[in-house]
Amino acid sequence: MTESPPNTPPNSNSQHETIPTIPIEFVSEEEMALIEAAYAATRSSLSSSSSSSICSPTSRFQTHSRTIHSITLLSKRGLNGSSELDIEDSDYLKNPQKRIRVAQPFLHRFRRKRALSVTDITATEWCEKQMEFSLLFGKRKISKAMKAGKARHVKLEEEVVKKVKVHIKSVEDSWALKFINFITCANQLLFEGITRELPLDRNPILVDTKTRVRDTLPAEPQSRNGRLQLMCYKYLWDTLAANSFPSGQFFDFFSLNRSYMLSKDIRERTASSGFPAKTLDDVIQYYINTCSMLPTSHDRLLLRYELQKDQSVLGEDEFAYNPDWLKRQIQSNLEFWLGEREASYTPQEERWKCRHCQFASICSGNPFPNIPRGSSSSSDHSSSSS
């Protein structure tokens, strides 16, 4: 997170002289996990119908069953090739002529108590069919490029903050740590004038660093995907800065006890960080106060591309925030996640992605069925730090 005056590129050579000790444990699996979770709980400026559908546990949709090779039955098979079906298929087996069955939308089936993340949105935009397969069969494999990008991300974090392990005893403790993480970094942004590796001026400029295996800039689909990610971050940041966090909806959505007494370890950590809290609700109140002091982010966003082997800068993509385009992308995502339509294949002109997809052998949209999957993948652009 950086800040710079309009039309002035951020200075990547600025360094923070001291590394503060922040007594928290960072969640590395998904960036900005707290802000991403707030995506589901915060009042969205998207259509009210879509928003209400997200929070409705009773929403269902109808899908057409195809043949034994359809995704409906494939979803019942194990990765080891087992064809064992679960109880949901009993009616299908009794009446093989039946072609319609009721199923849960992917949102309720796989994100019921997690909510959609920015990673979910960008992965869906990359290829809805790949996202469908990864939900049904497990996450995509971690490549060497992805591991290298994650290591770079950790290194960038350590330039600014120092990680400290904290033991948690409940889901409330886990959420408290996420909020504490945000509060601590926001205070660093507000009072020390820096977060990550770059200094501030006025409005924060969101910067995302992407690592590349090859010394080339990404193709347009990769650049588009990166811009979508950064625009999501800006939308979420500005929403938190402009609106009061709906704590009631948050506790209800994730079924959390707001009066839960935090573990002794976490209470000691919050006290040493300057905001003593006994319950999860106390942490939320500190969080709301912190968000009220945040400035809205700059309308200019920046993607920086680095070569993995030596961290040299390959180029920068500075672009303007486009709220209308972002809204269309998210609404299209929600149609898939809410089961309003089946997963779309990636466009014909982008089917080169199939060469690097681990699910290519079972995807009917793959135009290269006889070509072995390559060792590189879309992960060439997916490792990042913002």
Protein backbone atom coordinates (compact mmCIF):
# COMPACT_ATOMS: atom_id res chain seq x y z
CA MET A 1 0.00 0.00 0.00
CA THR A 2 1.59 3.29 -1.04
CA GLU A 3 0.64 6.87 -1.62
CA SER A 4 1.73 9.42 -4.18
CA PRO A 5 0.43 12.73 -5.58
CA PRO A 6 -1.47 12.60 -8.88
CA ASN A 7 0.59 11.75 -12.00
CA THR A 8 3.65 10.98 -9.88
CA PRO A 9 4.81 7.34 -10.05
CA PRO A 10 5.60 5.82 -6.65
CA ASN A 11 9.30 5.72 -5.79
CA SER A 12 10.29 2.07 -5.45
CA ASN A 13 13.69 2.95 -3.95
CA SER A 14 12.32 4.42 -0.72
CA GLN A 15 13.08 2.27 2.30
CA HIS A 16 11.73 2.25 5.80
CA GLU A 17 14.63 2.58 8.25
CA THR A 18 13.29 0.47 11.10
CA ILE A 19 11.24 -2.69 11.17
CA PRO A 20 8.52 -2.54 13.84
CA THR A 21 7.64 -5.65 15.76
CA ILE A 22 4.01 -6.50 15.10
CA PRO A 23 2.75 -9.23 17.44
CA ILE A 24 0.47 -11.03 15.07
CA GLU A 25 0.44 -13.99 12.73
CA PHE A 26 -0.29 -13.14 9.12
CA VAL A 27 -2.64 -15.21 7.02
CA SER A 28 -0.65 -16.00 3.92
CA GLU A 29 -3.08 -18.11 1.92
CA GLU A 30 -5.12 -15.22 0.67
CA GLU A 31 -4.00 -11.62 0.53
CA MET A 32 -5.88 -9.04 2.52
CA ALA A 33 -8.13 -11.75 3.91
CA LEU A 34 -9.93 -9.39 6.25
CA ILE A 35 -10.88 -6.92 3.54
CA GLU A 36 -11.88 -9.77 1.25
CA ALA A 37 -14.13 -11.26 3.89
CA ALA A 38 -15.72 -7.87 4.35
CA TYR A 39 -16.72 -8.12 0.69
CA ALA A 40 -19.54 -10.45 1.65
CA ALA A 41 -20.56 -8.57 4.78
CA THR A 42 -20.32 -4.98 3.64
CA ARG A 43 -23.24 -3.29 1.92
CA SER A 44 -22.38 -3.51 -1.74
CA SER A 45 -23.09 -0.92 -4.38
CA LEU A 46 -23.93 -3.77 -6.71
CA SER A 47 -27.50 -4.72 -7.48
CA SER A 48 -29.58 -5.41 -4.41
CA SER A 49 -30.85 -8.63 -5.91
CA SER A 50 -27.36 -10.06 -6.21
CA SER A 51 -26.43 -8.93 -2.70
CA SER A 52 -29.49 -10.48 -1.13
CA SER A 53 -28.85 -13.71 -2.99
CA ILE A 54 -25.36 -13.98 -1.51
CA CYS A 55 -26.64 -13.91 2.05
CA SER A 56 -29.63 -16.15 1.47
CA PRO A 57 -28.94 -19.71 2.64
CA THR A 58 -32.13 -20.92 0.97
CA SER A 59 -31.17 -19.95 -2.56
CA ARG A 60 -31.18 -22.92 -4.94
CA PHE A 61 -30.90 -23.41 -8.65
CA GLN A 62 -31.77 -26.05 -11.21
CA THR A 63 -29.15 -27.52 -13.48
CA HIS A 64 -29.43 -29.92 -16.41
CA SER A 65 -27.79 -33.27 -15.87
CA ARG A 66 -26.02 -34.47 -18.97
CA THR A 67 -24.45 -37.93 -19.44
CA ILE A 68 -22.19 -40.11 -17.32
CA HIS A 69 -19.39 -37.81 -18.49
CA SER A 70 -21.16 -34.69 -17.30
CA ILE A 71 -19.76 -32.49 -14.58
CA THR A 72 -22.64 -33.54 -12.34
CA LEU A 73 -21.41 -37.12 -12.13
CA LEU A 74 -17.75 -36.23 -12.41
CA SER A 75 -18.21 -34.20 -9.27
CA LYS A 76 -19.10 -37.42 -7.45
CA ARG A 77 -15.94 -39.23 -8.47
CA GLY A 78 -12.78 -39.19 -6.42
CA LEU A 79 -9.49 -38.09 -7.91
CA ASN A 80 -8.33 -41.69 -7.65
CA GLY A 81 -10.88 -42.67 -10.29
CA SER A 82 -13.53 -43.98 -7.92
CA SER A 83 -17.02 -43.86 -9.39
CA GLU A 84 -18.81 -44.09 -6.05
CA LEU A 85 -21.79 -41.76 -5.90
CA ASP A 86 -23.28 -40.06 -2.90
CA ILE A 87 -26.89 -40.00 -1.71
CA GLU A 88 -27.69 -36.95 -3.85
CA ASP A 89 -27.50 -39.19 -6.93
CA SER A 90 -29.94 -41.84 -5.66
CA ASP A 91 -32.87 -40.29 -7.52
CA TYR A 92 -30.81 -40.06 -10.70
CA LEU A 93 -29.96 -43.76 -10.51
CA LYS A 94 -33.58 -44.75 -9.93
CA ASN A 95 -34.74 -42.72 -12.90
CA PRO A 96 -31.96 -42.42 -15.51
CA GLN A 97 -34.31 -40.59 -17.86
CA LYS A 98 -34.54 -37.69 -15.44
CA ARG A 99 -32.56 -34.71 -16.67
CA ILE A 100 -33.16 -32.06 -14.03
CA ARG A 101 -31.97 -32.05 -10.43
CA VAL A 102 -31.80 -29.49 -7.66
CA ALA A 103 -28.36 -28.56 -6.35
CA GLN A 104 -26.77 -25.86 -4.26
CA PRO A 105 -25.00 -22.95 -5.96
CA PHE A 106 -21.23 -23.10 -5.68
CA LEU A 107 -21.33 -20.04 -3.41
CA HIS A 108 -23.40 -21.83 -0.78
CA ARG A 109 -21.73 -25.18 -1.30
CA PHE A 110 -18.11 -24.05 -1.06
CA ARG A 111 -18.10 -20.53 0.42
CA ARG A 112 -20.96 -20.73 2.91
CA LYS A 113 -18.89 -19.56 5.89
CA ARG A 114 -15.92 -18.10 4.04
CA ALA A 115 -17.46 -15.64 1.59
CA LEU A 116 -15.96 -14.86 -1.80
CA SER A 117 -12.39 -13.59 -1.86
CA VAL A 118 -10.67 -11.40 -4.42
CA THR A 119 -8.72 -14.53 -5.38
CA ASP A 120 -12.03 -16.27 -6.14
CA ILE A 121 -13.08 -13.39 -8.37
CA THR A 122 -9.84 -13.22 -10.36
CA ALA A 123 -9.60 -17.02 -10.72
CA THR A 124 -13.18 -17.11 -12.03
CA GLU A 125 -12.42 -14.35 -14.52
CA TRP A 126 -9.36 -16.27 -15.72
CA CYS A 127 -11.45 -19.34 -16.57
CA GLU A 128 -14.83 -20.25 -15.11
CA LYS A 129 -14.46 -23.86 -16.18
CA GLN A 130 -11.12 -24.16 -14.41
CA MET A 131 -12.69 -22.68 -11.28
CA GLU A 132 -15.54 -25.19 -11.50
CA PHE A 133 -13.10 -28.10 -11.74
CA SER A 134 -10.96 -26.78 -8.89
CA LEU A 135 -14.01 -26.52 -6.65
CA LEU A 136 -15.13 -30.05 -7.45
CA PHE A 137 -11.75 -31.79 -7.57
CA GLY A 138 -9.52 -29.68 -5.35
CA LYS A 139 -7.24 -26.69 -5.70
CA ARG A 140 -4.88 -26.44 -8.62
CA LYS A 141 -1.37 -27.75 -8.06
CA ILE A 142 1.26 -25.36 -6.75
CA SER A 143 3.95 -24.84 -9.40
CA LYS A 144 7.54 -23.76 -8.87
CA ALA A 145 6.65 -20.34 -10.22
CA MET A 146 3.85 -19.96 -7.68
CA LYS A 147 6.15 -21.02 -4.83
CA ALA A 148 8.77 -18.51 -5.94
CA GLY A 149 6.17 -15.75 -6.14
CA LYS A 150 4.89 -16.56 -2.66
CA ALA A 151 8.44 -16.43 -1.29
CA ARG A 152 8.90 -13.01 -2.88
CA HIS A 153 5.66 -11.86 -1.31
CA VAL A 154 6.89 -12.93 2.14
CA LYS A 155 10.17 -11.10 1.59
CA LEU A 156 8.36 -7.88 0.71
CA GLU A 157 6.26 -8.19 3.85
CA GLU A 158 9.34 -8.66 6.01
CA GLU A 159 10.80 -5.40 4.72
CA VAL A 160 8.06 -3.61 6.63
CA VAL A 161 6.80 -5.88 9.41
CA LYS A 162 8.10 -8.70 11.56
CA LYS A 163 5.91 -11.76 12.02
CA VAL A 164 5.23 -13.22 15.44
CA LYS A 165 3.40 -16.51 15.97
CA VAL A 166 0.21 -16.41 17.99
CA HIS A 167 -1.74 -19.47 19.13
CA ILE A 168 -5.48 -19.45 18.51
CA LYS A 169 -8.16 -21.57 20.20
CA SER A 170 -11.32 -20.76 18.26
CA VAL A 171 -12.72 -19.28 15.08
CA GLU A 172 -13.32 -16.05 17.02
CA ASP A 173 -9.62 -15.94 17.87
CA SER A 174 -8.80 -16.47 14.22
CA TRP A 175 -11.02 -13.60 13.12
CA ALA A 176 -9.63 -11.39 15.90
CA LEU A 177 -6.13 -11.92 14.50
CA LYS A 178 -7.26 -10.88 11.04
CA PHE A 179 -8.74 -7.68 12.39
CA ILE A 180 -5.67 -7.04 14.55
CA ASN A 181 -3.51 -7.48 11.46
CA PHE A 182 -5.51 -4.86 9.61
CA ILE A 183 -5.60 -2.42 12.54
CA THR A 184 -1.84 -2.66 13.07
CA CYS A 185 -0.98 -2.14 9.40
CA ALA A 186 -3.52 0.68 9.08
CA ASN A 187 -2.00 2.43 12.10
CA GLN A 188 1.41 2.05 10.53
CA LEU A 189 0.02 3.61 7.36
CA LEU A 190 -1.63 6.48 9.22
CA PHE A 191 1.01 7.32 11.82
CA GLU A 192 4.31 6.16 10.37
CA GLY A 193 3.49 7.04 6.78
CA ILE A 194 4.48 3.73 5.26
CA THR A 195 3.27 0.24 4.57
CA ARG A 196 5.04 -2.32 2.43
CA GLU A 197 8.11 -0.77 0.82
CA LEU A 198 6.99 2.67 -0.35
CA PRO A 199 6.33 6.05 1.37
CA LEU A 200 3.14 8.15 1.48
CA ASP A 201 2.08 11.53 0.45
CA ARG A 202 -1.74 11.96 0.41
CA ASN A 203 -4.22 9.36 -0.92
CA PRO A 204 -2.90 5.78 -0.81
CA ILE A 205 -2.01 4.32 -4.19
CA LEU A 206 -2.61 0.60 -4.38
CA VAL A 207 0.39 -1.22 -5.83
CA ASP A 208 0.61 -4.90 -6.71
CA THR A 209 3.93 -6.59 -7.46
CA LYS A 210 3.71 -9.55 -9.83
CA THR A 211 6.62 -11.92 -10.48
CA ARG A 212 7.40 -13.37 -13.90
CA VAL A 213 9.34 -16.48 -14.86
CA ARG A 214 10.22 -15.06 -18.27
CA ASP A 215 11.70 -11.65 -18.91
CA THR A 216 8.63 -10.48 -20.83
CA LEU A 217 5.59 -8.46 -19.90
CA PRO A 218 2.32 -10.42 -19.59
CA ALA A 219 -0.23 -10.94 -22.32
CA GLU A 220 -3.42 -8.90 -22.23
CA PRO A 221 -5.53 -11.56 -20.45
CA GLN A 222 -2.96 -11.66 -17.65
CA SER A 223 -2.79 -7.87 -17.43
CA ARG A 224 -6.59 -7.69 -17.40
CA ASN A 225 -6.73 -10.21 -14.58
CA GLY A 226 -4.21 -8.20 -12.56
CA ARG A 227 -6.16 -4.98 -13.09
CA LEU A 228 -9.33 -6.70 -11.92
CA GLN A 229 -7.58 -7.81 -8.73
CA LEU A 230 -6.29 -4.33 -7.94
CA MET A 231 -9.64 -2.69 -8.72
CA CYS A 232 -11.32 -5.11 -6.30
CA TYR A 233 -8.88 -4.05 -3.60
CA LYS A 234 -9.61 -0.39 -4.24
CA TYR A 235 -13.36 -0.95 -4.17
CA LEU A 236 -13.10 -2.77 -0.84
CA TRP A 237 -10.71 -0.24 0.66
CA ASP A 238 -12.87 2.73 -0.32
CA THR A 239 -16.00 0.98 0.96
CA LEU A 240 -14.39 0.43 4.35
CA ALA A 241 -13.15 4.02 4.47
CA ALA A 242 -16.50 5.55 3.48
CA ASN A 243 -19.02 3.35 5.30
CA SER A 244 -19.41 2.09 8.83
CA PHE A 245 -18.62 -1.61 9.03
CA PRO A 246 -21.91 -3.59 9.44
CA SER A 247 -20.81 -5.57 12.49
CA GLY A 248 -24.25 -7.09 13.06
CA GLN A 249 -24.33 -8.59 9.57
CA PHE A 250 -20.75 -9.77 9.97
CA PHE A 251 -21.43 -11.68 13.21
CA ASP A 252 -24.62 -13.19 11.77
CA PHE A 253 -23.12 -14.20 8.43
CA PHE A 254 -20.18 -16.04 9.99
CA SER A 255 -22.13 -17.25 13.05
CA LEU A 256 -19.69 -15.66 15.50
CA ASN A 257 -20.10 -14.89 19.20
CA ARG A 258 -19.40 -11.18 19.59
CA SER A 259 -18.99 -11.57 23.36
CA TYR A 260 -16.48 -14.39 23.06
CA MET A 261 -13.58 -13.89 25.49
CA LEU A 262 -10.38 -13.93 23.46
CA SER A 263 -7.53 -16.20 24.51
CA LYS A 264 -5.03 -14.85 27.02
CA ASP A 265 -2.30 -14.83 24.37
CA ILE A 266 -4.35 -12.64 22.02
CA ARG A 267 -5.45 -10.28 24.82
CA GLU A 268 -1.81 -9.75 25.74
CA ARG A 269 -0.92 -9.08 22.13
CA THR A 270 -3.64 -6.50 21.64
CA ALA A 271 -2.62 -4.75 24.85
CA SER A 272 1.02 -4.57 23.75
CA SER A 273 -0.10 -3.23 20.36
CA GLY A 274 -1.88 -0.28 21.96
CA PHE A 275 -5.52 -1.35 21.70
CA PRO A 276 -6.39 -3.66 24.60
CA ALA A 277 -9.37 -5.88 23.83
CA LYS A 278 -11.06 -8.65 25.79
CA THR A 279 -13.75 -9.78 23.35
CA LEU A 280 -14.12 -10.09 19.60
CA ASP A 281 -16.61 -7.22 19.73
CA ASP A 282 -13.93 -5.02 21.35
CA VAL A 283 -11.61 -5.74 18.43
CA ILE A 284 -14.38 -4.91 15.97
CA GLN A 285 -14.94 -1.54 17.65
CA TYR A 286 -11.22 -0.71 17.32
CA TYR A 287 -11.44 -1.82 13.71
CA ILE A 288 -14.42 0.45 12.99
CA ASN A 289 -12.62 3.42 14.58
CA THR A 290 -9.52 2.71 12.50
CA CYS A 291 -11.49 2.51 9.26
CA SER A 292 -13.12 5.87 10.00
CA MET A 293 -9.68 7.49 9.84
CA LEU A 294 -8.67 5.96 6.51
CA PRO A 295 -8.51 8.16 3.40
CA THR A 296 -9.99 6.91 0.17
CA SER A 297 -7.42 5.48 -2.20
CA HIS A 298 -6.12 7.14 -5.35
CA ASP A 299 -7.94 6.57 -8.64
CA ARG A 300 -4.64 5.60 -10.26
CA LEU A 301 -3.53 2.01 -9.68
CA LEU A 302 -0.16 0.42 -10.35
CA LEU A 303 0.92 -3.10 -11.35
CA ARG A 304 4.65 -3.76 -11.14
CA TYR A 305 6.19 -6.76 -12.89
CA GLU A 306 9.42 -8.32 -11.61
CA LEU A 307 11.65 -11.05 -13.00
CA GLN A 308 11.72 -13.87 -10.47
CA LYS A 309 15.37 -14.77 -10.72
CA ASP A 310 16.76 -11.34 -9.76
CA GLN A 311 13.76 -9.13 -8.84
CA SER A 312 14.60 -6.70 -11.65
CA VAL A 313 11.65 -4.58 -12.76
CA LEU A 314 10.37 -5.59 -16.18
CA GLY A 315 7.81 -2.82 -16.40
CA GLU A 316 4.93 -1.04 -14.72
CA ASP A 317 1.29 -0.76 -15.72
CA GLU A 318 -0.35 2.37 -14.32
CA PHE A 319 -4.05 2.55 -15.07
CA ALA A 320 -7.24 4.31 -13.99
CA TYR A 321 -9.90 2.80 -11.78
CA ASN A 322 -13.00 1.89 -13.80
CA PRO A 323 -15.95 1.25 -11.44
CA ASP A 324 -18.41 0.41 -14.23
CA TRP A 325 -16.15 -2.25 -15.71
CA LEU A 326 -15.48 -3.66 -12.25
CA LYS A 327 -19.20 -3.88 -11.50
CA ARG A 328 -19.83 -5.79 -14.72
CA GLN A 329 -17.03 -8.23 -13.95
CA ILE A 330 -18.28 -8.92 -10.42
CA GLN A 331 -21.88 -9.33 -11.58
CA SER A 332 -20.74 -11.83 -14.20
CA ASN A 333 -18.83 -13.68 -11.47
CA LEU A 334 -21.90 -13.81 -9.27
CA GLU A 335 -24.01 -15.33 -12.05
CA PHE A 336 -21.62 -18.29 -12.02
CA TRP A 337 -21.27 -18.55 -8.24
CA LEU A 338 -25.03 -18.27 -7.64
CA GLY A 339 -25.84 -20.94 -10.22
CA GLU A 340 -27.70 -18.61 -12.55
CA ARG A 341 -25.79 -20.10 -15.48
CA GLU A 342 -23.29 -22.84 -16.18
CA ALA A 343 -19.56 -22.17 -16.23
CA SER A 344 -18.31 -20.58 -19.43
CA TYR A 345 -15.23 -21.77 -21.28
CA THR A 346 -12.45 -19.30 -21.76
CA PRO A 347 -12.83 -17.34 -25.05
CA GLN A 348 -11.51 -19.00 -28.22
CA GLU A 349 -8.71 -16.47 -28.56
CA GLU A 350 -7.56 -17.30 -25.02
CA ARG A 351 -7.65 -21.10 -25.27
CA TRP A 352 -3.84 -21.11 -25.01
CA LYS A 353 -4.54 -21.15 -21.27
CA CYS A 354 -5.63 -24.77 -21.68
CA ARG A 355 -2.02 -25.81 -22.39
CA HIS A 356 -1.17 -25.06 -18.77
CA CYS A 357 -4.33 -26.24 -17.02
CA GLN A 358 -4.20 -29.38 -14.88
CA PHE A 359 -7.83 -30.13 -15.75
CA ALA A 360 -7.31 -29.96 -19.53
CA SER A 361 -7.65 -33.74 -19.98
CA ILE A 362 -11.24 -33.74 -18.71
CA CYS A 363 -12.36 -30.44 -20.20
CA SER A 364 -14.29 -30.61 -23.46
CA GLY A 365 -13.29 -27.03 -24.24
CA ASN A 366 -9.60 -27.94 -24.50
CA PRO A 367 -8.45 -27.53 -28.13
CA PHE A 368 -5.16 -29.38 -27.42
CA PRO A 369 -6.28 -32.78 -26.07
CA ASN A 370 -3.15 -34.60 -27.29
CA ILE A 371 -0.57 -32.05 -26.14
CA PRO A 372 0.98 -32.66 -22.69
CA ARG A 373 0.36 -29.95 -20.14
CA GLY A 374 3.27 -27.50 -19.90
CA SER A 375 5.28 -26.91 -16.74
CA SER A 376 4.52 -23.20 -16.68
CA SER A 377 1.06 -21.81 -16.16
CA SER A 378 -1.03 -18.78 -15.43
CA SER A 379 0.87 -18.73 -12.13
CA ASP A 380 3.46 -16.77 -14.09
CA HIS A 381 1.36 -13.77 -13.18
CA SER A 382 -0.42 -14.93 -10.05
CA SER A 383 2.22 -14.38 -7.38
CA SER A 384 1.83 -10.90 -6.00
CA SER A 385 2.07 -8.50 -3.11
CA SER A 386 0.08 -5.34 -2.66
